[in-house]
N, C-alpha and C. Protein backbone atom coordinates (compact mmCIF):
# COMPACT_ATOMS: atom_id res chain seq x y z
N MET A 1 151.47 140.36 -50.80
CA MET A 1 151.40 141.34 -49.74
C MET A 1 151.46 140.62 -48.39
N THR A 2 152.19 141.21 -47.47
CA THR A 2 152.28 140.71 -46.11
C THR A 2 151.67 141.76 -45.18
N THR A 3 150.85 141.34 -44.23
CA THR A 3 150.25 142.27 -43.29
C THR A 3 151.13 142.39 -42.06
N PHE A 4 151.46 143.62 -41.72
CA PHE A 4 152.24 143.93 -40.53
C PHE A 4 151.38 144.74 -39.58
N SER A 5 151.59 144.58 -38.30
CA SER A 5 150.91 145.38 -37.28
C SER A 5 151.95 146.06 -36.42
N TRP A 6 151.80 147.39 -36.31
CA TRP A 6 152.73 148.18 -35.52
C TRP A 6 151.97 149.23 -34.72
N TYR A 7 151.97 149.14 -33.42
CA TYR A 7 151.54 150.19 -32.52
C TYR A 7 150.17 150.78 -32.91
N GLY A 8 149.22 149.91 -33.16
CA GLY A 8 147.86 150.34 -33.50
C GLY A 8 147.60 150.49 -34.98
N TYR A 9 148.62 150.39 -35.80
CA TYR A 9 148.49 150.44 -37.25
C TYR A 9 148.56 149.03 -37.81
N ALA A 10 147.94 148.82 -38.97
CA ALA A 10 148.15 147.60 -39.75
C ALA A 10 148.38 148.05 -41.19
N ALA A 11 149.31 147.40 -41.86
CA ALA A 11 149.63 147.75 -43.24
C ALA A 11 149.88 146.49 -44.04
N GLU A 12 149.40 146.50 -45.26
CA GLU A 12 149.73 145.45 -46.22
C GLU A 12 150.93 145.94 -47.00
N VAL A 13 152.02 145.20 -46.91
CA VAL A 13 153.29 145.63 -47.48
C VAL A 13 153.72 144.70 -48.60
N ASP A 14 154.13 145.30 -49.70
CA ASP A 14 154.75 144.55 -50.79
C ASP A 14 156.24 144.49 -50.45
N GLU A 15 156.62 143.42 -49.76
CA GLU A 15 158.00 143.31 -49.28
C GLU A 15 159.01 143.29 -50.42
N GLY A 16 158.68 142.62 -51.51
CA GLY A 16 159.59 142.53 -52.64
C GLY A 16 159.86 143.88 -53.27
N ALA A 17 158.80 144.65 -53.53
CA ALA A 17 158.95 145.97 -54.14
C ALA A 17 159.70 146.92 -53.21
N THR A 18 159.43 146.83 -51.91
CA THR A 18 160.12 147.68 -50.94
C THR A 18 161.61 147.33 -50.91
N ALA A 19 161.91 146.04 -50.80
CA ALA A 19 163.32 145.60 -50.75
C ALA A 19 164.06 145.95 -52.04
N ASP A 20 163.40 145.77 -53.19
CA ASP A 20 164.04 146.10 -54.47
C ASP A 20 164.39 147.57 -54.55
N TYR A 21 163.47 148.43 -54.12
CA TYR A 21 163.74 149.86 -54.15
C TYR A 21 164.95 150.20 -53.28
N TYR A 22 164.96 149.70 -52.04
CA TYR A 22 166.04 150.06 -51.12
C TYR A 22 167.38 149.42 -51.50
N ALA A 23 167.35 148.32 -52.22
CA ALA A 23 168.60 147.71 -52.70
C ALA A 23 169.29 148.65 -53.70
N ARG A 24 168.51 149.43 -54.43
CA ARG A 24 169.06 150.37 -55.42
C ARG A 24 169.24 151.78 -54.88
N ALA A 25 168.57 152.10 -53.79
CA ALA A 25 168.56 153.47 -53.27
C ALA A 25 169.89 153.85 -52.62
N SER A 26 170.17 155.13 -52.65
CA SER A 26 171.34 155.68 -51.98
C SER A 26 170.99 156.06 -50.55
N ASP A 27 172.01 156.26 -49.74
CA ASP A 27 171.80 156.80 -48.41
C ASP A 27 171.22 158.21 -48.54
N TRP A 28 170.57 158.70 -47.48
CA TRP A 28 170.09 160.07 -47.45
C TRP A 28 171.27 160.97 -47.80
N ASP A 29 171.07 161.95 -48.69
CA ASP A 29 172.23 162.64 -49.25
C ASP A 29 172.36 164.12 -48.91
N CYS A 30 171.64 164.62 -47.95
CA CYS A 30 171.82 166.02 -47.55
C CYS A 30 173.14 166.14 -46.79
N SER A 31 173.89 167.18 -47.08
CA SER A 31 175.21 167.32 -46.45
C SER A 31 175.24 168.29 -45.27
N CYS A 32 174.06 168.78 -44.84
CA CYS A 32 174.07 169.68 -43.68
C CYS A 32 174.48 168.88 -42.43
N GLY A 33 174.94 169.56 -41.42
CA GLY A 33 175.41 168.90 -40.20
C GLY A 33 174.33 168.06 -39.53
N HIS A 34 173.11 168.56 -39.47
CA HIS A 34 172.04 167.82 -38.80
C HIS A 34 171.75 166.51 -39.52
N CYS A 35 171.73 166.53 -40.85
CA CYS A 35 171.50 165.30 -41.61
C CYS A 35 172.70 164.35 -41.51
N ARG A 36 173.90 164.91 -41.55
CA ARG A 36 175.09 164.06 -41.38
C ARG A 36 175.10 163.42 -40.00
N ASN A 37 174.61 164.15 -38.99
CA ASN A 37 174.49 163.59 -37.64
C ASN A 37 173.52 162.41 -37.64
N PHE A 38 172.34 162.60 -38.26
CA PHE A 38 171.39 161.50 -38.37
C PHE A 38 172.03 160.30 -39.07
N LEU A 39 172.71 160.54 -40.20
CA LEU A 39 173.33 159.44 -40.94
C LEU A 39 174.36 158.70 -40.10
N ALA A 40 175.16 159.43 -39.33
CA ALA A 40 176.15 158.78 -38.47
C ALA A 40 175.45 157.88 -37.45
N LEU A 41 174.36 158.36 -36.86
CA LEU A 41 173.61 157.55 -35.90
C LEU A 41 172.97 156.35 -36.58
N ALA A 42 172.38 156.55 -37.76
CA ALA A 42 171.71 155.46 -38.48
C ALA A 42 172.72 154.39 -38.89
N ARG A 43 173.85 154.81 -39.44
CA ARG A 43 174.87 153.84 -39.87
C ARG A 43 175.44 153.05 -38.70
N ALA A 44 175.55 153.69 -37.55
CA ALA A 44 176.04 153.01 -36.34
C ALA A 44 174.92 152.26 -35.61
N ARG A 45 173.70 152.29 -36.17
CA ARG A 45 172.53 151.64 -35.60
C ARG A 45 172.27 152.12 -34.16
N LYS A 46 172.37 153.44 -33.99
CA LYS A 46 172.12 154.06 -32.69
C LYS A 46 170.76 154.76 -32.66
N LEU A 47 169.81 154.26 -33.44
CA LEU A 47 168.43 154.72 -33.36
C LEU A 47 167.72 153.84 -32.34
N PRO A 48 166.54 154.24 -31.87
CA PRO A 48 165.82 153.42 -30.89
C PRO A 48 165.60 151.99 -31.40
N ALA A 49 165.73 151.03 -30.50
CA ALA A 49 165.62 149.61 -30.86
C ALA A 49 164.31 149.29 -31.57
N GLU A 50 163.19 149.88 -31.11
CA GLU A 50 161.91 149.55 -31.74
C GLU A 50 161.85 150.02 -33.19
N ILE A 51 162.54 151.11 -33.53
CA ILE A 51 162.59 151.58 -34.92
C ILE A 51 163.49 150.67 -35.74
N LEU A 52 164.65 150.31 -35.19
CA LEU A 52 165.55 149.40 -35.92
C LEU A 52 164.87 148.05 -36.17
N GLU A 53 164.13 147.54 -35.20
CA GLU A 53 163.41 146.26 -35.38
C GLU A 53 162.39 146.36 -36.49
N LEU A 54 161.64 147.45 -36.51
CA LEU A 54 160.62 147.66 -37.54
C LEU A 54 161.28 147.76 -38.92
N LEU A 55 162.34 148.55 -39.04
CA LEU A 55 163.04 148.68 -40.32
C LEU A 55 163.68 147.37 -40.75
N ASP A 56 164.26 146.62 -39.81
CA ASP A 56 164.84 145.31 -40.14
C ASP A 56 163.76 144.36 -40.66
N GLU A 57 162.59 144.40 -40.04
CA GLU A 57 161.48 143.56 -40.46
C GLU A 57 161.10 143.86 -41.91
N LEU A 58 161.22 145.12 -42.30
CA LEU A 58 160.89 145.54 -43.67
C LEU A 58 162.10 145.48 -44.60
N ARG A 59 163.26 145.15 -44.06
CA ARG A 59 164.52 145.11 -44.82
C ARG A 59 164.86 146.48 -45.40
N ILE A 60 164.67 147.52 -44.58
CA ILE A 60 165.00 148.89 -44.97
C ILE A 60 166.21 149.34 -44.16
N PRO A 61 167.32 149.66 -44.81
CA PRO A 61 168.48 150.18 -44.09
C PRO A 61 168.15 151.54 -43.48
N PRO A 62 168.41 151.74 -42.20
CA PRO A 62 168.04 153.00 -41.55
C PRO A 62 168.64 154.24 -42.22
N GLU A 63 169.82 154.11 -42.80
CA GLU A 63 170.49 155.25 -43.42
C GLU A 63 169.88 155.65 -44.76
N LYS A 64 168.92 154.87 -45.26
CA LYS A 64 168.29 155.17 -46.55
C LYS A 64 166.92 155.81 -46.36
N ALA A 65 166.83 156.69 -45.38
CA ALA A 65 165.58 157.42 -45.15
C ALA A 65 165.19 158.18 -46.40
N THR A 66 163.90 158.39 -46.58
CA THR A 66 163.42 159.16 -47.73
C THR A 66 163.10 160.61 -47.34
N TYR A 67 163.20 160.93 -46.06
CA TYR A 67 163.00 162.30 -45.59
C TYR A 67 163.67 162.42 -44.22
N VAL A 68 164.47 163.46 -44.04
CA VAL A 68 165.10 163.74 -42.74
C VAL A 68 165.05 165.24 -42.50
N CYS A 69 164.63 165.62 -41.31
CA CYS A 69 164.60 167.04 -40.95
C CYS A 69 164.86 167.17 -39.46
N GLU A 70 165.86 167.96 -39.09
CA GLU A 70 166.05 168.31 -37.69
C GLU A 70 165.11 169.47 -37.45
N LEU A 71 164.14 169.28 -36.57
CA LEU A 71 163.07 170.25 -36.39
C LEU A 71 163.47 171.44 -35.53
N CYS A 72 164.08 171.16 -34.40
CA CYS A 72 164.46 172.26 -33.52
C CYS A 72 165.33 171.72 -32.38
N TYR A 73 166.00 172.63 -31.76
CA TYR A 73 166.67 172.27 -30.51
C TYR A 73 166.62 173.47 -29.58
N GLY A 74 166.37 173.15 -28.33
CA GLY A 74 166.28 174.19 -27.31
C GLY A 74 167.58 174.31 -26.55
N GLU A 75 167.55 175.12 -25.52
CA GLU A 75 168.75 175.32 -24.71
C GLU A 75 169.21 174.03 -24.05
N ASP A 76 168.28 173.09 -23.83
CA ASP A 76 168.62 171.84 -23.15
C ASP A 76 168.96 170.71 -24.13
N TRP A 77 169.33 171.04 -25.37
CA TRP A 77 169.57 170.01 -26.37
C TRP A 77 170.69 169.04 -25.97
N ARG A 78 171.65 169.49 -25.22
CA ARG A 78 172.74 168.59 -24.81
C ARG A 78 172.21 167.44 -23.94
N GLU A 79 171.22 167.71 -23.12
CA GLU A 79 170.63 166.68 -22.26
C GLU A 79 169.51 165.92 -22.98
N LYS A 80 168.69 166.65 -23.69
CA LYS A 80 167.48 166.09 -24.30
C LYS A 80 167.73 165.50 -25.68
N GLY A 81 168.62 166.12 -26.45
CA GLY A 81 168.86 165.73 -27.83
C GLY A 81 168.21 166.72 -28.78
N LEU A 82 168.36 166.46 -30.06
CA LEU A 82 167.81 167.29 -31.12
C LEU A 82 166.55 166.60 -31.64
N LEU A 83 165.50 167.37 -31.86
CA LEU A 83 164.25 166.80 -32.34
C LEU A 83 164.30 166.63 -33.86
N TYR A 84 164.16 165.39 -34.30
CA TYR A 84 164.18 165.05 -35.72
C TYR A 84 162.84 164.50 -36.15
N GLU A 85 162.54 164.66 -37.44
CA GLU A 85 161.47 163.93 -38.11
C GLU A 85 162.14 163.15 -39.23
N VAL A 86 161.87 161.85 -39.30
CA VAL A 86 162.49 160.98 -40.29
C VAL A 86 161.42 160.07 -40.87
N SER A 87 161.48 159.88 -42.19
CA SER A 87 160.52 158.98 -42.87
C SER A 87 161.24 157.98 -43.74
N TRP A 88 160.59 156.84 -43.91
CA TRP A 88 161.00 155.83 -44.87
C TRP A 88 159.75 155.44 -45.66
N ARG A 89 159.85 155.39 -46.96
CA ARG A 89 158.70 155.03 -47.79
C ARG A 89 158.59 153.51 -47.86
N VAL A 90 157.36 153.02 -47.90
CA VAL A 90 157.08 151.58 -47.91
C VAL A 90 156.06 151.29 -49.02
N ALA A 91 156.31 150.28 -49.83
CA ALA A 91 155.34 149.87 -50.86
C ALA A 91 154.21 149.13 -50.17
N GLY A 92 152.99 149.60 -50.36
CA GLY A 92 151.85 148.96 -49.73
C GLY A 92 150.78 149.96 -49.34
N THR A 93 149.89 149.50 -48.48
CA THR A 93 148.72 150.29 -48.09
C THR A 93 148.47 150.18 -46.59
N VAL A 94 148.16 151.29 -45.96
CA VAL A 94 147.74 151.29 -44.56
C VAL A 94 146.29 150.82 -44.53
N VAL A 95 146.01 149.76 -43.76
CA VAL A 95 144.65 149.22 -43.71
C VAL A 95 143.95 149.47 -42.38
N LYS A 96 144.71 149.90 -41.36
CA LYS A 96 144.11 150.20 -40.06
C LYS A 96 144.96 151.24 -39.36
N GLN A 97 144.29 152.19 -38.70
CA GLN A 97 144.97 153.21 -37.91
C GLN A 97 144.52 153.11 -36.46
N PRO A 98 145.34 153.63 -35.55
CA PRO A 98 144.89 153.69 -34.15
C PRO A 98 143.63 154.55 -34.06
N GLU A 99 142.79 154.25 -33.11
CA GLU A 99 141.57 155.02 -32.94
C GLU A 99 141.89 156.34 -32.24
N SER A 100 141.79 157.41 -33.01
CA SER A 100 142.05 158.75 -32.51
C SER A 100 141.61 159.73 -33.59
N ARG A 101 141.19 160.90 -33.18
CA ARG A 101 140.81 161.93 -34.15
C ARG A 101 142.00 162.84 -34.47
N GLU A 102 143.11 162.63 -33.79
CA GLU A 102 144.29 163.46 -34.04
C GLU A 102 144.76 163.26 -35.49
N ASN A 103 145.10 164.33 -36.14
CA ASN A 103 145.52 164.37 -37.54
C ASN A 103 144.37 164.10 -38.52
N GLU A 104 143.14 164.08 -38.03
CA GLU A 104 142.00 163.86 -38.91
C GLU A 104 141.99 164.94 -40.00
N GLY A 105 141.70 164.54 -41.22
CA GLY A 105 141.68 165.47 -42.34
C GLY A 105 143.04 165.74 -42.94
N THR A 106 144.06 165.03 -42.49
CA THR A 106 145.42 165.17 -43.05
C THR A 106 145.81 163.85 -43.70
N PRO A 107 146.90 163.82 -44.44
CA PRO A 107 147.34 162.55 -45.03
C PRO A 107 148.03 161.61 -44.03
N TRP A 108 147.98 161.96 -42.73
CA TRP A 108 148.66 161.19 -41.70
C TRP A 108 147.68 160.58 -40.73
N GLY A 109 148.00 159.37 -40.28
CA GLY A 109 147.25 158.77 -39.19
C GLY A 109 147.67 159.39 -37.88
N PRO A 110 147.01 159.05 -36.79
CA PRO A 110 147.36 159.63 -35.50
C PRO A 110 148.71 159.10 -35.00
N PRO A 111 149.45 159.93 -34.26
CA PRO A 111 150.73 159.47 -33.73
C PRO A 111 150.55 158.41 -32.66
N SER A 112 151.43 157.43 -32.68
CA SER A 112 151.48 156.39 -31.64
C SER A 112 152.79 156.56 -30.88
N TRP A 113 152.72 156.58 -29.57
CA TRP A 113 153.91 156.73 -28.75
C TRP A 113 154.57 155.38 -28.56
N LEU A 114 155.83 155.27 -28.92
CA LEU A 114 156.62 154.09 -28.64
C LEU A 114 157.40 154.39 -27.36
N ARG A 115 158.39 153.63 -27.05
CA ARG A 115 159.16 153.89 -25.82
C ARG A 115 160.00 155.16 -25.90
N SER A 116 160.38 155.56 -27.11
CA SER A 116 161.29 156.70 -27.22
C SER A 116 160.99 157.63 -28.39
N CYS A 117 159.87 157.45 -29.06
CA CYS A 117 159.58 158.29 -30.21
C CYS A 117 158.10 158.17 -30.59
N TRP A 118 157.67 159.05 -31.48
CA TRP A 118 156.32 159.01 -32.04
C TRP A 118 156.39 158.38 -33.41
N LEU A 119 155.40 157.57 -33.75
CA LEU A 119 155.30 156.91 -35.06
C LEU A 119 153.98 157.28 -35.69
N MET A 120 154.00 157.61 -36.98
CA MET A 120 152.78 157.84 -37.75
C MET A 120 152.97 157.18 -39.11
N LEU A 121 151.89 156.69 -39.67
CA LEU A 121 151.90 156.22 -41.05
C LEU A 121 151.01 157.15 -41.85
N GLY A 122 151.42 157.45 -43.07
CA GLY A 122 150.64 158.35 -43.91
C GLY A 122 151.38 158.63 -45.20
N HIS A 123 151.21 159.84 -45.71
CA HIS A 123 151.83 160.21 -46.98
C HIS A 123 152.57 161.53 -46.85
N GLU A 124 153.87 161.47 -47.08
CA GLU A 124 154.71 162.66 -47.09
C GLU A 124 154.35 163.48 -48.32
N THR A 125 154.16 164.78 -48.14
CA THR A 125 153.77 165.64 -49.26
C THR A 125 154.96 166.17 -50.04
N CYS A 126 156.16 166.14 -49.44
CA CYS A 126 157.35 166.57 -50.17
C CYS A 126 157.68 165.53 -51.23
N PRO A 127 158.23 165.97 -52.35
CA PRO A 127 158.58 164.98 -53.39
C PRO A 127 159.81 164.17 -52.97
N VAL A 128 159.57 162.99 -52.45
CA VAL A 128 160.66 162.12 -52.00
C VAL A 128 160.57 160.79 -52.73
N ALA A 129 161.68 160.08 -52.78
CA ALA A 129 161.74 158.71 -53.30
C ALA A 129 161.13 158.62 -54.70
N GLU A 130 161.67 159.42 -55.60
CA GLU A 130 161.18 159.41 -56.98
C GLU A 130 161.22 157.99 -57.55
N GLY A 131 160.17 157.63 -58.24
CA GLY A 131 160.10 156.31 -58.86
C GLY A 131 159.71 155.19 -57.91
N PHE A 132 159.28 155.53 -56.70
CA PHE A 132 158.91 154.48 -55.75
C PHE A 132 157.64 153.78 -56.24
N PRO A 133 157.56 152.45 -56.09
CA PRO A 133 156.36 151.72 -56.53
C PRO A 133 155.09 152.21 -55.83
N ARG A 134 153.99 152.10 -56.52
CA ARG A 134 152.67 152.46 -55.97
C ARG A 134 151.83 151.22 -55.82
N PRO A 135 150.92 151.20 -54.87
CA PRO A 135 150.68 152.21 -53.84
C PRO A 135 151.80 152.19 -52.81
N HIS A 136 151.89 153.28 -52.06
CA HIS A 136 152.90 153.35 -51.01
C HIS A 136 152.41 154.26 -49.89
N PHE A 137 153.13 154.19 -48.78
CA PHE A 137 152.89 155.06 -47.63
C PHE A 137 154.23 155.35 -46.99
N ASP A 138 154.23 156.29 -46.07
CA ASP A 138 155.46 156.67 -45.39
C ASP A 138 155.36 156.31 -43.91
N LEU A 139 156.43 155.75 -43.42
CA LEU A 139 156.59 155.44 -42.00
C LEU A 139 157.37 156.62 -41.44
N ASP A 140 156.77 157.39 -40.56
CA ASP A 140 157.35 158.64 -40.09
C ASP A 140 157.56 158.56 -38.58
N ILE A 141 158.74 158.97 -38.14
CA ILE A 141 159.00 159.03 -36.70
C ILE A 141 159.49 160.42 -36.32
N SER A 142 159.15 160.82 -35.11
CA SER A 142 159.69 162.04 -34.52
C SER A 142 160.38 161.61 -33.23
N LEU A 143 161.62 162.02 -33.09
CA LEU A 143 162.38 161.57 -31.93
C LEU A 143 163.53 162.50 -31.64
N TYR A 144 164.02 162.43 -30.40
CA TYR A 144 165.19 163.18 -29.99
C TYR A 144 166.42 162.31 -30.19
N LEU A 145 167.44 162.88 -30.84
CA LEU A 145 168.69 162.17 -31.08
C LEU A 145 169.85 162.99 -30.55
N PRO A 146 170.87 162.31 -30.05
CA PRO A 146 172.05 163.03 -29.55
C PRO A 146 172.90 163.55 -30.71
N TRP A 147 173.71 164.54 -30.41
CA TRP A 147 174.70 165.02 -31.39
C TRP A 147 175.93 164.16 -31.24
N MET A 148 176.34 163.49 -32.32
CA MET A 148 177.50 162.62 -32.20
C MET A 148 178.65 162.99 -33.11
N LEU A 149 178.48 164.01 -33.94
CA LEU A 149 179.57 164.43 -34.81
C LEU A 149 180.66 165.11 -34.01
N ASP A 150 181.88 164.97 -34.47
CA ASP A 150 183.01 165.60 -33.81
C ASP A 150 183.21 167.00 -34.40
N GLU A 151 182.17 167.80 -34.29
CA GLU A 151 182.20 169.18 -34.74
C GLU A 151 181.08 169.91 -34.00
N PRO A 152 181.17 171.22 -33.89
CA PRO A 152 180.11 171.97 -33.23
C PRO A 152 178.77 171.80 -33.95
N ILE A 153 177.68 171.91 -33.23
CA ILE A 153 176.35 171.71 -33.79
C ILE A 153 176.04 172.71 -34.90
N GLU A 154 176.59 173.90 -34.84
CA GLU A 154 176.32 174.93 -35.85
C GLU A 154 177.24 174.81 -37.05
N GLY A 155 178.11 173.80 -37.07
CA GLY A 155 178.99 173.59 -38.21
C GLY A 155 180.44 173.57 -37.80
N PRO A 156 181.31 173.08 -38.68
CA PRO A 156 182.71 172.90 -38.35
C PRO A 156 183.45 174.18 -37.98
N ASP A 157 182.97 175.36 -38.46
CA ASP A 157 183.67 176.60 -38.19
C ASP A 157 183.12 177.37 -37.00
N LYS A 158 182.18 176.78 -36.26
CA LYS A 158 181.53 177.47 -35.13
C LYS A 158 181.88 176.76 -33.82
N GLU A 159 181.47 177.39 -32.73
CA GLU A 159 181.62 176.79 -31.41
C GLU A 159 180.26 176.44 -30.87
N ASN A 160 180.16 175.37 -30.07
CA ASN A 160 178.88 175.01 -29.40
C ASN A 160 178.60 175.95 -28.27
């Protein structure tokens, strides 16, 4: 186990088990436009630098997220971006959380603000990453991402 420290969190990570899982894992496979948009950004490494650095440190390809959800977009989405929640599963254990009562009583630690997104460590309740080694935790980020697909946001047959 290797101990990592990120933004008020500390985690003991089984780097070998994590790397082995992701070496066999497929890219996120939802075919909706919002997920395809995330995949295009992840494959082009157009996610925030601090997230790419963290994933590189863990040897997790950004496009192999274990959970992706575009949460919402408002009228200003063209300027602000689309709000996404994205997780990657990690073999290991969270050993320290930032000091905060936020999210107390949930499977998630408190959110930590990075330069461009929120980060939380905890446990995703949706059934993701079947067969992932135990113990494990999820690295979860919430962030605004631009629309980069060459199609309208509502799908190829709609207009923006």
